[in-house]
Protein backbone atom coordinates (compact mmCIF):
# COMPACT_ATOMS: atom_id res chain seq x y z
CA MET A 1 -156.45 196.70 90.76
CA THR A 2 -159.24 196.67 88.19
CA ASP A 3 -161.82 193.95 88.43
CA LEU A 4 -161.33 191.92 85.15
CA ILE A 5 -164.09 189.60 85.77
CA VAL A 6 -167.57 190.02 86.15
CA LYS A 7 -169.08 188.06 89.48
CA SER A 8 -172.40 187.41 88.26
CA ALA A 9 -171.13 185.86 85.06
CA ILE A 10 -169.01 183.46 87.06
CA LYS A 11 -171.92 182.84 89.13
CA ASP A 12 -174.00 182.05 86.03
CA GLN A 13 -171.55 179.64 84.45
CA LEU A 14 -170.93 177.67 87.87
CA THR A 15 -174.70 177.28 88.60
CA ASP A 16 -174.37 173.92 90.28
CA GLN A 17 -171.27 175.57 92.40
CA ASN A 18 -170.92 177.35 95.19
CA VAL A 19 -168.20 180.00 94.86
CA SER A 20 -166.22 181.14 97.59
CA ALA A 21 -165.72 184.69 98.17
CA ASP A 22 -161.76 184.90 97.39
CA PHE A 23 -162.00 182.89 94.46
CA TYR A 24 -163.08 186.21 92.78
CA ASP A 25 -159.65 187.75 93.68
CA ALA A 26 -157.60 184.83 92.70
CA LEU A 27 -159.55 184.44 89.50
CA ASP A 28 -159.00 187.86 88.64
CA SER A 29 -155.40 187.60 89.39
CA GLU A 30 -154.98 184.85 87.11
CA VAL A 31 -156.59 186.87 84.46
CA ALA A 32 -154.36 189.78 84.77
CA ASP A 33 -151.27 187.63 84.37
CA LEU A 34 -152.71 185.85 81.34
CA LEU A 35 -153.22 188.96 79.81
CA GLU A 36 -149.80 190.57 80.95
CA LYS A 37 -148.39 187.27 79.26
CA ALA A 38 -150.38 187.82 75.93
CA ALA A 39 -149.09 191.56 75.87
CA ARG A 40 -145.55 190.60 76.35
CA ARG A 41 -145.67 188.05 73.67
CA ALA A 42 -147.32 190.18 71.18
CA ASN A 43 -144.72 193.48 72.10
CA ASP A 44 -141.91 190.56 71.55
CA ASN A 45 -143.50 189.89 67.93
CA ASP A 46 -143.18 193.39 67.17
CA ARG A 47 -147.19 193.77 67.39
CA LYS A 48 -149.48 196.12 69.09
CA THR A 49 -152.41 193.91 68.70
CA VAL A 50 -152.87 191.21 70.87
CA GLN A 51 -153.83 188.05 69.31
CA PRO A 52 -155.55 184.55 70.13
CA ARG A 53 -152.14 182.96 69.47
CA ASP A 54 -150.72 185.03 72.23
CA LEU A 55 -152.55 183.05 74.82
């Protein structure tokens, strides 16, 4: 599976929090699911371009 998130960006965003190692894998999985659903919605609407409304 391709890493969809950038760990350093997550760390930068969550400056006052510790981040467990397995959080990144869980977040990556959530992002992959979100992208898959958005692509499916675009296809269902006869579009090849994924748009914000597909989220």
